[in-house]
Amino acid sequence: MPSPSCWQLLLDDPPLWRRDGVLGEPTATRLLQRLDAEVSWQRPTLRLYGREHPIPRRQAWMGEPDAHYRYSGRDFIPQPWHPELPGIKAEIESCLAALGLPRALNSVLLNRYGDGQERMGWHSDDEPELGEAPVIAALSLGAERPLRFRWKDRRGPAFNLWLPHDSLLVMGPGCQAVLQHALLPRQGRIHQPGLRINLTFRHIQPRRP
């Protein structure tokens, strides 16, 4: 089980942790390549201001059969786990246990960013299915990009957290209540980073009849 000393505490209240080299090489790169080639990637549309817009990335939702997720007015039914992911999930659950956090993960949202212009807008992972104080564990593979955070009440300045290949970011209890995060497009004419796949493991509460 990973030691707490492996972690960087990036923010104390609410807690944000990062651990680098969580899978190790060549495992992390092999996982990136397999997911890119083997996952049934989709580009769903979301309704904004009465119009349908394709999301600016590709994604897949996987997990246990009852881990249904509703986002932006749409229901997402989980695909079965990719063969590599149950073992990865178990490793991440060990990481959460080392931090003293709940570790019953039953689903994962995979986002595929083909280049530096693909993105995700400002949001919090605070849907009812995630419970009152969700813990989100985000594994980054591929090109390093910053995840930008801002306070909902603007109590402080926005800030970036850089997420290199094979790093795990844990957003602890309270993060979704007071923070929003986004993956913004790369700015300027500098080199555009390549493929990035992010896996956000979480626990979805079964829906009540």
N, C-alpha and C. Protein backbone atom coordinates (compact mmCIF):
# COMPACT_ATOMS: atom_id res chain seq x y z
N MET A 1 0.85 -1.19 0.00
CA MET A 1 0.00 0.00 0.00
C MET A 1 0.88 1.24 0.00
N PRO A 2 0.56 2.24 -0.81
CA PRO A 2 1.40 3.44 -0.88
C PRO A 2 1.47 4.16 0.46
N SER A 3 2.62 4.69 0.77
CA SER A 3 2.81 5.46 1.99
C SER A 3 2.30 6.88 1.82
N PRO A 4 1.74 7.50 2.90
CA PRO A 4 1.33 8.90 2.79
C PRO A 4 2.47 9.83 2.40
N SER A 5 3.73 9.42 2.66
CA SER A 5 4.87 10.27 2.32
C SER A 5 5.05 10.42 0.81
N CYS A 6 4.39 9.56 0.01
CA CYS A 6 4.47 9.66 -1.45
C CYS A 6 3.67 10.84 -2.00
N TRP A 7 2.84 11.44 -1.17
CA TRP A 7 1.87 12.42 -1.65
C TRP A 7 2.34 13.84 -1.43
N GLN A 8 1.93 14.72 -2.35
CA GLN A 8 2.07 16.16 -2.17
C GLN A 8 0.71 16.72 -1.77
N LEU A 9 0.65 17.40 -0.64
CA LEU A 9 -0.57 18.08 -0.23
C LEU A 9 -0.56 19.45 -0.88
N LEU A 10 -1.38 19.63 -1.91
CA LEU A 10 -1.37 20.85 -2.71
C LEU A 10 -2.27 21.93 -2.12
N LEU A 11 -3.30 21.52 -1.42
CA LEU A 11 -4.23 22.45 -0.77
C LEU A 11 -4.74 21.75 0.47
N ASP A 12 -4.80 22.51 1.57
CA ASP A 12 -5.14 21.90 2.85
C ASP A 12 -6.65 21.87 3.09
N ASP A 13 -7.35 22.95 2.75
CA ASP A 13 -8.77 23.04 3.06
C ASP A 13 -9.50 23.73 1.91
N PRO A 14 -10.22 22.94 1.10
CA PRO A 14 -10.40 21.49 1.13
C PRO A 14 -9.15 20.78 0.61
N PRO A 15 -9.00 19.49 0.93
CA PRO A 15 -7.75 18.82 0.59
C PRO A 15 -7.63 18.42 -0.87
N LEU A 16 -6.47 18.74 -1.44
CA LEU A 16 -6.09 18.29 -2.77
C LEU A 16 -4.72 17.65 -2.66
N TRP A 17 -4.59 16.43 -3.15
CA TRP A 17 -3.32 15.72 -3.13
C TRP A 17 -2.91 15.32 -4.55
N ARG A 18 -1.60 15.20 -4.77
CA ARG A 18 -1.08 14.65 -6.02
C ARG A 18 0.02 13.66 -5.71
N ARG A 19 0.03 12.58 -6.45
CA ARG A 19 1.11 11.60 -6.37
C ARG A 19 1.59 11.30 -7.78
N ASP A 20 2.89 11.41 -8.02
CA ASP A 20 3.47 11.13 -9.33
C ASP A 20 3.94 9.68 -9.41
N GLY A 21 4.01 9.17 -10.62
CA GLY A 21 4.50 7.81 -10.83
C GLY A 21 3.65 6.76 -10.17
N VAL A 22 2.35 6.92 -10.23
CA VAL A 22 1.48 6.03 -9.47
C VAL A 22 1.44 4.62 -10.05
N LEU A 23 1.53 4.47 -11.35
CA LEU A 23 1.54 3.14 -11.97
C LEU A 23 2.94 2.67 -12.32
N GLY A 24 3.83 3.62 -12.66
CA GLY A 24 5.17 3.28 -13.09
C GLY A 24 5.20 2.94 -14.57
N GLU A 25 6.41 3.01 -15.13
CA GLU A 25 6.61 2.65 -16.52
C GLU A 25 7.14 1.21 -16.62
N PRO A 26 6.79 0.48 -17.67
CA PRO A 26 6.03 0.91 -18.87
C PRO A 26 4.50 0.81 -18.72
N THR A 27 4.02 0.51 -17.50
CA THR A 27 2.58 0.26 -17.32
C THR A 27 1.73 1.45 -17.76
N ALA A 28 2.15 2.67 -17.36
CA ALA A 28 1.33 3.85 -17.65
C ALA A 28 1.23 4.10 -19.15
N THR A 29 2.34 4.00 -19.86
CA THR A 29 2.32 4.24 -21.31
C THR A 29 1.56 3.14 -22.04
N ARG A 30 1.71 1.91 -21.61
CA ARG A 30 0.95 0.82 -22.23
C ARG A 30 -0.55 1.02 -22.02
N LEU A 31 -0.94 1.47 -20.82
CA LEU A 31 -2.35 1.73 -20.55
C LEU A 31 -2.87 2.84 -21.45
N LEU A 32 -2.10 3.92 -21.60
CA LEU A 32 -2.50 5.01 -22.50
C LEU A 32 -2.76 4.49 -23.91
N GLN A 33 -1.85 3.68 -24.41
CA GLN A 33 -1.96 3.18 -25.78
C GLN A 33 -3.16 2.25 -25.93
N ARG A 34 -3.38 1.38 -24.97
CA ARG A 34 -4.49 0.44 -25.06
C ARG A 34 -5.84 1.17 -24.98
N LEU A 35 -5.95 2.10 -24.05
CA LEU A 35 -7.22 2.83 -23.94
C LEU A 35 -7.50 3.62 -25.20
N ASP A 36 -6.49 4.27 -25.75
CA ASP A 36 -6.68 5.05 -26.98
C ASP A 36 -7.19 4.16 -28.11
N ALA A 37 -6.65 2.96 -28.22
CA ALA A 37 -6.98 2.08 -29.34
C ALA A 37 -8.24 1.25 -29.12
N GLU A 38 -8.57 0.93 -27.87
CA GLU A 38 -9.58 -0.09 -27.61
C GLU A 38 -10.89 0.42 -27.03
N VAL A 39 -10.91 1.61 -26.45
CA VAL A 39 -12.14 2.13 -25.86
C VAL A 39 -13.08 2.62 -26.95
N SER A 40 -14.37 2.41 -26.76
CA SER A 40 -15.38 2.93 -27.67
C SER A 40 -15.65 4.39 -27.31
N TRP A 41 -14.82 5.28 -27.86
CA TRP A 41 -14.91 6.71 -27.53
C TRP A 41 -16.14 7.34 -28.19
N GLN A 42 -16.77 8.25 -27.46
CA GLN A 42 -17.97 8.91 -27.95
C GLN A 42 -17.81 10.43 -27.81
N ARG A 43 -18.57 11.16 -28.62
CA ARG A 43 -18.62 12.61 -28.51
C ARG A 43 -20.09 13.02 -28.38
N PRO A 44 -20.67 12.88 -27.19
CA PRO A 44 -22.09 13.23 -27.03
C PRO A 44 -22.31 14.72 -27.15
N THR A 45 -23.56 15.08 -27.33
CA THR A 45 -23.93 16.50 -27.36
C THR A 45 -24.58 16.87 -26.03
N LEU A 46 -24.39 18.12 -25.64
CA LEU A 46 -25.01 18.67 -24.44
C LEU A 46 -25.86 19.86 -24.84
N ARG A 47 -26.95 20.04 -24.14
CA ARG A 47 -27.86 21.15 -24.44
C ARG A 47 -27.48 22.37 -23.63
N LEU A 48 -27.17 23.46 -24.31
CA LEU A 48 -26.84 24.73 -23.68
C LEU A 48 -27.66 25.83 -24.34
N TYR A 49 -28.40 26.56 -23.53
CA TYR A 49 -29.21 27.67 -24.02
C TYR A 49 -30.12 27.23 -25.17
N GLY A 50 -30.68 26.03 -25.02
CA GLY A 50 -31.65 25.54 -25.98
C GLY A 50 -31.08 24.93 -27.24
N ARG A 51 -29.75 24.82 -27.35
CA ARG A 51 -29.13 24.25 -28.55
C ARG A 51 -28.23 23.09 -28.17
N GLU A 52 -28.10 22.14 -29.09
CA GLU A 52 -27.24 20.99 -28.87
C GLU A 52 -25.82 21.29 -29.36
N HIS A 53 -24.83 20.98 -28.53
CA HIS A 53 -23.43 21.23 -28.88
C HIS A 53 -22.62 19.96 -28.61
N PRO A 54 -21.81 19.50 -29.58
CA PRO A 54 -20.91 18.37 -29.29
C PRO A 54 -19.85 18.79 -28.30
N ILE A 55 -19.52 17.92 -27.37
CA ILE A 55 -18.50 18.27 -26.38
C ILE A 55 -17.13 18.37 -27.06
N PRO A 56 -16.23 19.24 -26.60
CA PRO A 56 -14.92 19.45 -27.25
C PRO A 56 -13.86 18.45 -26.81
N ARG A 57 -14.21 17.18 -26.78
CA ARG A 57 -13.32 16.08 -26.42
C ARG A 57 -14.10 14.79 -26.69
N ARG A 58 -13.49 13.66 -26.47
CA ARG A 58 -14.21 12.38 -26.53
C ARG A 58 -14.22 11.77 -25.13
N GLN A 59 -15.21 10.94 -24.86
CA GLN A 59 -15.32 10.39 -23.52
C GLN A 59 -15.95 9.01 -23.55
N ALA A 60 -15.84 8.33 -22.41
CA ALA A 60 -16.49 7.03 -22.21
C ALA A 60 -16.81 6.91 -20.73
N TRP A 61 -17.92 6.28 -20.42
CA TRP A 61 -18.36 6.06 -19.04
C TRP A 61 -18.37 4.55 -18.80
N MET A 62 -17.63 4.10 -17.78
CA MET A 62 -17.51 2.68 -17.47
C MET A 62 -17.78 2.45 -16.00
N GLY A 63 -18.20 1.23 -15.69
CA GLY A 63 -18.37 0.90 -14.29
C GLY A 63 -19.31 -0.26 -14.07
N GLU A 64 -19.75 -0.39 -12.83
CA GLU A 64 -20.70 -1.43 -12.47
C GLU A 64 -22.04 -1.15 -13.16
N PRO A 65 -22.84 -2.20 -13.41
CA PRO A 65 -24.06 -2.02 -14.19
C PRO A 65 -25.04 -1.00 -13.62
N ASP A 66 -25.06 -0.82 -12.28
CA ASP A 66 -26.02 0.11 -11.69
C ASP A 66 -25.46 1.52 -11.50
N ALA A 67 -24.25 1.79 -12.03
CA ALA A 67 -23.62 3.10 -11.84
C ALA A 67 -24.08 4.07 -12.93
N HIS A 68 -25.36 4.36 -12.95
CA HIS A 68 -25.92 5.29 -13.93
C HIS A 68 -25.64 6.72 -13.48
N TYR A 69 -25.36 7.58 -14.45
CA TYR A 69 -24.92 8.95 -14.17
C TYR A 69 -25.74 9.91 -15.02
N ARG A 70 -26.24 10.97 -14.41
CA ARG A 70 -27.00 11.98 -15.15
C ARG A 70 -26.24 13.29 -15.13
N TYR A 71 -25.98 13.81 -16.32
CA TYR A 71 -25.18 15.02 -16.45
C TYR A 71 -25.76 15.88 -17.56
N SER A 72 -26.00 17.15 -17.26
CA SER A 72 -26.50 18.11 -18.23
C SER A 72 -27.76 17.60 -18.94
N GLY A 73 -28.64 16.99 -18.16
CA GLY A 73 -29.92 16.55 -18.70
C GLY A 73 -29.88 15.24 -19.44
N ARG A 74 -28.74 14.54 -19.45
CA ARG A 74 -28.63 13.27 -20.15
C ARG A 74 -28.23 12.15 -19.20
N ASP A 75 -28.76 10.96 -19.48
CA ASP A 75 -28.40 9.77 -18.71
C ASP A 75 -27.28 9.02 -19.41
N PHE A 76 -26.25 8.66 -18.64
CA PHE A 76 -25.13 7.90 -19.17
C PHE A 76 -25.14 6.50 -18.55
N ILE A 77 -25.25 5.49 -19.41
CA ILE A 77 -25.27 4.10 -18.98
C ILE A 77 -23.85 3.55 -19.10
N PRO A 78 -23.32 2.94 -18.04
CA PRO A 78 -21.90 2.54 -18.09
C PRO A 78 -21.62 1.41 -19.06
N GLN A 79 -20.52 1.55 -19.80
CA GLN A 79 -19.95 0.42 -20.52
C GLN A 79 -19.31 -0.53 -19.50
N PRO A 80 -19.14 -1.80 -19.85
CA PRO A 80 -18.39 -2.70 -18.97
C PRO A 80 -16.95 -2.21 -18.80
N TRP A 81 -16.33 -2.59 -17.68
CA TRP A 81 -14.95 -2.21 -17.43
C TRP A 81 -14.03 -2.71 -18.56
N HIS A 82 -13.13 -1.85 -19.00
CA HIS A 82 -12.04 -2.31 -19.87
C HIS A 82 -11.19 -3.29 -19.06
N PRO A 83 -10.63 -4.35 -19.69
CA PRO A 83 -9.90 -5.36 -18.93
C PRO A 83 -8.78 -4.83 -18.05
N GLU A 84 -8.15 -3.73 -18.43
CA GLU A 84 -7.05 -3.18 -17.64
C GLU A 84 -7.54 -2.46 -16.38
N LEU A 85 -8.79 -2.01 -16.35
CA LEU A 85 -9.19 -1.03 -15.35
C LEU A 85 -9.53 -1.59 -13.97
N PRO A 86 -10.05 -2.82 -13.82
CA PRO A 86 -10.27 -3.30 -12.45
C PRO A 86 -8.99 -3.32 -11.61
N GLY A 87 -7.86 -3.72 -12.20
CA GLY A 87 -6.61 -3.69 -11.45
C GLY A 87 -6.15 -2.28 -11.14
N ILE A 88 -6.34 -1.35 -12.08
CA ILE A 88 -5.99 0.05 -11.85
C ILE A 88 -6.88 0.62 -10.74
N LYS A 89 -8.16 0.28 -10.77
CA LYS A 89 -9.09 0.73 -9.73
C LYS A 89 -8.64 0.25 -8.36
N ALA A 90 -8.22 -1.01 -8.27
CA ALA A 90 -7.77 -1.54 -6.99
C ALA A 90 -6.53 -0.80 -6.48
N GLU A 91 -5.62 -0.45 -7.39
CA GLU A 91 -4.43 0.32 -7.01
C GLU A 91 -4.81 1.69 -6.48
N ILE A 92 -5.75 2.34 -7.14
CA ILE A 92 -6.18 3.67 -6.70
C ILE A 92 -6.93 3.58 -5.37
N GLU A 93 -7.71 2.53 -5.18
CA GLU A 93 -8.37 2.35 -3.89
C GLU A 93 -7.34 2.20 -2.77
N SER A 94 -6.21 1.55 -3.04
CA SER A 94 -5.13 1.47 -2.06
C SER A 94 -4.55 2.85 -1.76
N CYS A 95 -4.44 3.67 -2.81
CA CYS A 95 -3.96 5.04 -2.62
C CYS A 95 -4.91 5.83 -1.71
N LEU A 96 -6.21 5.70 -1.94
CA LEU A 96 -7.17 6.40 -1.11
C LEU A 96 -7.12 5.91 0.33
N ALA A 97 -6.94 4.61 0.51
CA ALA A 97 -6.84 4.07 1.86
C ALA A 97 -5.65 4.65 2.60
N ALA A 98 -4.53 4.86 1.89
CA ALA A 98 -3.34 5.44 2.52
C ALA A 98 -3.59 6.85 3.00
N LEU A 99 -4.55 7.54 2.38
CA LEU A 99 -4.90 8.90 2.77
C LEU A 99 -6.06 8.93 3.78
N GLY A 100 -6.55 7.76 4.16
CA GLY A 100 -7.65 7.69 5.11
C GLY A 100 -8.98 8.07 4.51
N LEU A 101 -9.14 7.86 3.19
CA LEU A 101 -10.36 8.27 2.49
C LEU A 101 -11.19 7.05 2.10
N PRO A 102 -12.51 7.25 1.89
CA PRO A 102 -13.34 6.15 1.38
C PRO A 102 -12.79 5.63 0.07
N ARG A 103 -12.91 4.32 -0.13
CA ARG A 103 -12.25 3.74 -1.29
C ARG A 103 -13.14 2.82 -2.12
N ALA A 104 -14.44 2.90 -1.95
CA ALA A 104 -15.36 2.05 -2.71
C ALA A 104 -15.68 2.72 -4.05
N LEU A 105 -14.81 2.52 -5.03
CA LEU A 105 -15.00 3.10 -6.36
C LEU A 105 -15.76 2.12 -7.24
N ASN A 106 -16.77 2.61 -7.95
CA ASN A 106 -17.54 1.70 -8.79
C ASN A 106 -17.73 2.19 -10.22
N SER A 107 -17.00 3.26 -10.61
CA SER A 107 -17.19 3.81 -11.94
C SER A 107 -16.02 4.71 -12.29
N VAL A 108 -15.90 5.01 -13.59
CA VAL A 108 -14.85 5.90 -14.05
C VAL A 108 -15.33 6.62 -15.31
N LEU A 109 -15.09 7.92 -15.35
CA LEU A 109 -15.32 8.73 -16.55
C LEU A 109 -13.97 8.94 -17.22
N LEU A 110 -13.84 8.51 -18.46
CA LEU A 110 -12.63 8.68 -19.23
C LEU A 110 -12.82 9.81 -20.21
N ASN A 111 -11.92 10.78 -20.21
CA ASN A 111 -11.94 11.88 -21.16
C ASN A 111 -10.67 11.82 -22.00
N ARG A 112 -10.87 11.89 -23.32
CA ARG A 112 -9.74 11.83 -24.27
C ARG A 112 -9.59 13.19 -24.95
N TYR A 113 -8.43 13.81 -24.76
CA TYR A 113 -8.10 15.10 -25.37
C TYR A 113 -7.05 14.85 -26.43
N GLY A 114 -7.43 15.02 -27.70
CA GLY A 114 -6.54 14.68 -28.79
C GLY A 114 -5.39 15.66 -28.97
N ASP A 115 -5.59 16.93 -28.55
CA ASP A 115 -4.53 17.93 -28.67
C ASP A 115 -4.80 19.04 -27.66
N GLY A 116 -4.01 20.09 -27.73
CA GLY A 116 -4.09 21.15 -26.74
C GLY A 116 -5.31 22.04 -26.85
N GLN A 117 -6.11 21.89 -27.92
CA GLN A 117 -7.31 22.70 -28.06
C GLN A 117 -8.55 22.01 -27.52
N GLU A 118 -8.51 20.72 -27.36
CA GLU A 118 -9.66 20.03 -26.77
C GLU A 118 -9.68 20.31 -25.28
N ARG A 119 -10.85 20.39 -24.70
CA ARG A 119 -10.96 21.00 -23.38
C ARG A 119 -12.19 20.50 -22.63
N MET A 120 -12.30 20.98 -21.36
CA MET A 120 -13.50 20.81 -20.54
C MET A 120 -13.76 22.11 -19.81
N GLY A 121 -15.00 22.58 -19.84
CA GLY A 121 -15.34 23.86 -19.24
C GLY A 121 -15.45 23.81 -17.72
N TRP A 122 -15.71 24.96 -17.14
CA TRP A 122 -15.81 25.09 -15.69
C TRP A 122 -16.98 24.26 -15.16
N HIS A 123 -16.72 23.51 -14.09
CA HIS A 123 -17.77 22.69 -13.48
C HIS A 123 -17.29 22.19 -12.13
N SER A 124 -18.23 21.66 -11.36
CA SER A 124 -17.94 20.87 -10.17
C SER A 124 -18.59 19.51 -10.34
N ASP A 125 -17.96 18.49 -9.81
CA ASP A 125 -18.55 17.14 -9.83
C ASP A 125 -19.45 17.01 -8.60
N ASP A 126 -20.65 17.58 -8.70
CA ASP A 126 -21.53 17.65 -7.54
C ASP A 126 -22.93 17.13 -7.85
N GLU A 127 -23.05 16.22 -8.83
CA GLU A 127 -24.34 15.64 -9.13
C GLU A 127 -24.84 14.82 -7.94
N PRO A 128 -26.16 14.70 -7.77
CA PRO A 128 -26.71 13.99 -6.60
C PRO A 128 -26.20 12.56 -6.46
N GLU A 129 -25.94 11.87 -7.57
CA GLU A 129 -25.48 10.48 -7.50
C GLU A 129 -24.14 10.33 -6.80
N LEU A 130 -23.38 11.43 -6.67
CA LEU A 130 -22.06 11.37 -6.05
C LEU A 130 -22.09 11.54 -4.54
N GLY A 131 -23.24 11.85 -3.97
CA GLY A 131 -23.34 12.03 -2.52
C GLY A 131 -22.97 13.43 -2.08
N GLU A 132 -22.97 13.63 -0.77
CA GLU A 132 -22.79 14.97 -0.21
C GLU A 132 -21.36 15.48 -0.26
N ALA A 133 -20.38 14.62 -0.07
CA ALA A 133 -18.98 15.06 -0.04
C ALA A 133 -18.13 14.07 -0.83
N PRO A 134 -18.28 14.07 -2.16
CA PRO A 134 -17.61 13.04 -2.97
C PRO A 134 -16.09 13.18 -2.96
N VAL A 135 -15.45 12.04 -3.15
CA VAL A 135 -14.01 11.96 -3.36
C VAL A 135 -13.80 11.54 -4.81
N ILE A 136 -13.01 12.34 -5.54
CA ILE A 136 -12.73 12.06 -6.95
C ILE A 136 -11.24 11.80 -7.09
N ALA A 137 -10.87 10.68 -7.73
CA ALA A 137 -9.47 10.32 -7.96
C ALA A 137 -9.22 10.34 -9.46
N ALA A 138 -8.38 11.27 -9.92
CA ALA A 138 -8.18 11.51 -11.35
C ALA A 138 -6.77 11.09 -11.77
N LEU A 139 -6.69 10.07 -12.62
CA LEU A 139 -5.43 9.57 -13.15
C LEU A 139 -5.17 10.21 -14.50
N SER A 140 -4.01 10.87 -14.67
CA SER A 140 -3.65 11.53 -15.92
C SER A 140 -2.62 10.69 -16.67
N LEU A 141 -2.88 10.50 -17.98
CA LEU A 141 -1.96 9.78 -18.85
C LEU A 141 -1.70 10.63 -20.09
N GLY A 142 -0.46 10.64 -20.53
CA GLY A 142 -0.13 11.37 -21.75
C GLY A 142 0.35 12.78 -21.49
N ALA A 143 0.01 13.69 -22.41
CA ALA A 143 0.55 15.06 -22.39
C ALA A 143 0.20 15.77 -21.09
N GLU A 144 1.18 16.47 -20.53
CA GLU A 144 0.97 17.23 -19.30
C GLU A 144 0.22 18.52 -19.59
N ARG A 145 -0.86 18.74 -18.85
CA ARG A 145 -1.62 19.98 -18.96
C ARG A 145 -2.05 20.42 -17.57
N PRO A 146 -2.32 21.72 -17.39
CA PRO A 146 -2.76 22.17 -16.07
C PRO A 146 -4.27 22.08 -15.93
N LEU A 147 -4.72 21.64 -14.76
CA LEU A 147 -6.12 21.72 -14.40
C LEU A 147 -6.28 23.01 -13.61
N ARG A 148 -7.17 23.88 -14.06
CA ARG A 148 -7.34 25.18 -13.42
C ARG A 148 -8.50 25.13 -12.44
N PHE A 149 -8.28 25.72 -11.26
CA PHE A 149 -9.28 25.76 -10.20
C PHE A 149 -9.65 27.20 -9.90
N ARG A 150 -10.91 27.41 -9.51
CA ARG A 150 -11.33 28.71 -9.00
C ARG A 150 -12.34 28.49 -7.87
N TRP A 151 -12.33 29.44 -6.93
CA TRP A 151 -13.24 29.39 -5.79
C TRP A 151 -14.62 29.87 -6.23
N LYS A 152 -15.65 29.16 -5.81
CA LYS A 152 -17.00 29.56 -6.17
C LYS A 152 -17.36 30.92 -5.58
N ASP A 153 -16.87 31.21 -4.37
CA ASP A 153 -17.19 32.49 -3.74
C ASP A 153 -16.10 33.53 -3.99
N ARG A 154 -15.11 33.19 -4.84
CA ARG A 154 -14.03 34.10 -5.21
C ARG A 154 -13.23 34.58 -4.00
N ARG A 155 -13.08 33.72 -3.00
CA ARG A 155 -12.33 34.09 -1.80
C ARG A 155 -10.84 34.26 -2.07
N GLY A 156 -10.35 33.70 -3.15
CA GLY A 156 -8.94 33.80 -3.49
C GLY A 156 -8.77 33.71 -5.00
N PRO A 157 -7.55 33.88 -5.48
CA PRO A 157 -7.31 33.81 -6.93
C PRO A 157 -7.42 32.39 -7.46
N ALA A 158 -7.72 32.30 -8.75
CA ALA A 158 -7.70 31.00 -9.42
C ALA A 158 -6.26 30.48 -9.47
N PHE A 159 -6.09 29.18 -9.62
CA PHE A 159 -4.75 28.59 -9.63
C PHE A 159 -4.73 27.36 -10.52
N ASN A 160 -3.53 27.02 -10.99
CA ASN A 160 -3.31 25.85 -11.85
C ASN A 160 -2.65 24.73 -11.06
N LEU A 161 -3.04 23.51 -11.36
CA LEU A 161 -2.35 22.32 -10.88
C LEU A 161 -1.90 21.53 -12.11
N TRP A 162 -0.59 21.41 -12.28
CA TRP A 162 -0.06 20.68 -13.43
C TRP A 162 -0.13 19.18 -13.16
N LEU A 163 -0.60 18.45 -14.17
CA LEU A 163 -0.84 17.01 -14.03
C LEU A 163 -0.02 16.26 -15.07
N PRO A 164 1.17 15.80 -14.70
CA PRO A 164 2.01 15.08 -15.66
C PRO A 164 1.53 13.66 -15.90
N HIS A 165 2.10 13.04 -16.90
CA HIS A 165 1.83 11.65 -17.23
C HIS A 165 2.05 10.77 -16.00
N ASP A 166 1.10 9.87 -15.75
CA ASP A 166 1.17 8.89 -14.65
C ASP A 166 1.08 9.58 -13.28
N SER A 167 0.28 10.62 -13.18
CA SER A 167 0.05 11.26 -11.88
C SER A 167 -1.40 11.06 -11.47
N LEU A 168 -1.62 11.06 -10.16
CA LEU A 168 -2.95 10.88 -9.59
C LEU A 168 -3.29 12.10 -8.75
N LEU A 169 -4.39 12.77 -9.09
CA LEU A 169 -4.90 13.90 -8.31
C LEU A 169 -6.11 13.42 -7.55
N VAL A 170 -6.11 13.65 -6.24
CA VAL A 170 -7.25 13.29 -5.40
C VAL A 170 -7.89 14.57 -4.90
N MET A 171 -9.16 14.75 -5.27
CA MET A 171 -9.95 15.86 -4.76
C MET A 171 -10.78 15.33 -3.60
N GLY A 172 -10.38 15.74 -2.38
CA GLY A 172 -10.98 15.18 -1.18
C GLY A 172 -12.32 15.79 -0.84
N PRO A 173 -12.89 15.38 0.30
CA PRO A 173 -14.20 15.87 0.71
C PRO A 173 -14.22 17.40 0.79
N GLY A 174 -15.27 17.99 0.25
CA GLY A 174 -15.43 19.44 0.29
C GLY A 174 -14.98 20.16 -0.95
N CYS A 175 -14.15 19.53 -1.78
CA CYS A 175 -13.64 20.22 -2.98
C CYS A 175 -14.76 20.62 -3.92
N GLN A 176 -15.70 19.71 -4.15
CA GLN A 176 -16.74 20.02 -5.14
C GLN A 176 -17.73 21.07 -4.63
N ALA A 177 -17.80 21.24 -3.31
CA ALA A 177 -18.72 22.22 -2.74
C ALA A 177 -18.21 23.65 -2.90
N VAL A 178 -16.88 23.84 -2.89
CA VAL A 178 -16.35 25.20 -2.85
C VAL A 178 -15.48 25.56 -4.05
N LEU A 179 -15.11 24.58 -4.88
CA LEU A 179 -14.23 24.82 -6.02
C LEU A 179 -14.88 24.37 -7.32
N GLN A 180 -14.53 25.04 -8.40
CA GLN A 180 -14.79 24.57 -9.75
C GLN A 180 -13.45 24.30 -10.43
N HIS A 181 -13.45 23.43 -11.44
CA HIS A 181 -12.23 23.17 -12.18
C HIS A 181 -12.53 23.06 -13.66
N ALA A 182 -11.49 23.26 -14.47
CA ALA A 182 -11.63 23.24 -15.92
C ALA A 182 -10.29 22.86 -16.54
N LEU A 183 -10.34 22.25 -17.71
CA LEU A 183 -9.16 22.03 -18.54
C LEU A 183 -9.31 22.97 -19.73
N LEU A 184 -8.56 24.06 -19.71
CA LEU A 184 -8.72 25.12 -20.70
C LEU A 184 -7.85 24.87 -21.93
N PRO A 185 -8.19 25.46 -23.07
CA PRO A 185 -7.36 25.29 -24.27
C PRO A 185 -5.97 25.87 -24.06
N ARG A 186 -4.99 25.27 -24.72
CA ARG A 186 -3.63 25.78 -24.68
C ARG A 186 -3.60 27.15 -25.35
N GLN A 187 -2.93 28.11 -24.74
CA GLN A 187 -2.90 29.48 -25.25
C GLN A 187 -1.65 29.73 -26.11
N GLY A 188 -1.77 30.65 -27.06
CA GLY A 188 -0.62 31.08 -27.84
C GLY A 188 -0.27 30.13 -28.96
N ARG A 189 0.84 30.43 -29.64
CA ARG A 189 1.29 29.64 -30.78
C ARG A 189 2.42 28.69 -30.43
N ILE A 190 2.59 28.44 -29.15
CA ILE A 190 3.64 27.50 -28.75
C ILE A 190 3.19 26.08 -29.03
N HIS A 191 4.09 25.15 -28.82
CA HIS A 191 3.84 23.74 -29.11
C HIS A 191 2.55 23.26 -28.45
N GLN A 192 1.70 22.61 -29.25
CA GLN A 192 0.46 22.06 -28.73
C GLN A 192 0.73 20.66 -28.17
N PRO A 193 0.41 20.44 -26.89
CA PRO A 193 0.62 19.10 -26.34
C PRO A 193 -0.26 18.09 -27.05
N GLY A 194 0.19 16.84 -27.07
CA GLY A 194 -0.52 15.79 -27.78
C GLY A 194 -1.58 15.11 -26.94
N LEU A 195 -1.76 13.84 -27.20
CA LEU A 195 -2.84 13.06 -26.61
C LEU A 195 -2.76 13.04 -25.08
N ARG A 196 -3.90 13.26 -24.47
CA ARG A 196 -4.04 13.14 -23.02
C ARG A 196 -5.33 12.38 -22.74
N ILE A 197 -5.26 11.38 -21.86
CA ILE A 197 -6.44 10.66 -21.38
C ILE A 197 -6.49 10.80 -19.86
N ASN A 198 -7.62 11.25 -19.37
CA ASN A 198 -7.82 11.42 -17.94
C ASN A 198 -8.93 10.48 -17.47
N LEU A 199 -8.68 9.77 -16.40
CA LEU A 199 -9.65 8.83 -15.85
C LEU A 199 -10.05 9.31 -14.45
N THR A 200 -11.30 9.68 -14.28
CA THR A 200 -11.76 10.15 -12.97
C THR A 200 -12.62 9.06 -12.33
N PHE A 201 -12.01 8.38 -11.36
CA PHE A 201 -12.68 7.31 -10.64
C PHE A 201 -13.55 7.92 -9.54
N ARG A 202 -14.71 7.32 -9.31
CA ARG A 202 -15.65 7.87 -8.35
C ARG A 202 -16.61 6.78 -7.88
N HIS A 203 -17.40 7.13 -6.89
CA HIS A 203 -18.44 6.21 -6.40
C HIS A 203 -19.80 6.82 -6.72
N ILE A 204 -20.60 6.09 -7.49
CA ILE A 204 -21.95 6.49 -7.83
C ILE A 204 -22.91 5.74 -6.90
N GLN A 205 -23.77 6.48 -6.24
CA GLN A 205 -24.77 5.87 -5.39
C GLN A 205 -25.92 5.33 -6.24
N PRO A 206 -26.34 4.08 -6.01
CA PRO A 206 -27.46 3.54 -6.80
C PRO A 206 -28.70 4.40 -6.64
N ARG A 207 -29.44 4.55 -7.72
CA ARG A 207 -30.66 5.34 -7.67
C ARG A 207 -31.74 4.60 -6.88
N ARG A 208 -32.48 5.37 -6.13
CA ARG A 208 -33.62 4.79 -5.41
C ARG A 208 -34.81 4.69 -6.35
N PRO A 209 -35.61 3.62 -6.17
CA PRO A 209 -36.79 3.47 -7.03
C PRO A 209 -37.75 4.64 -6.86
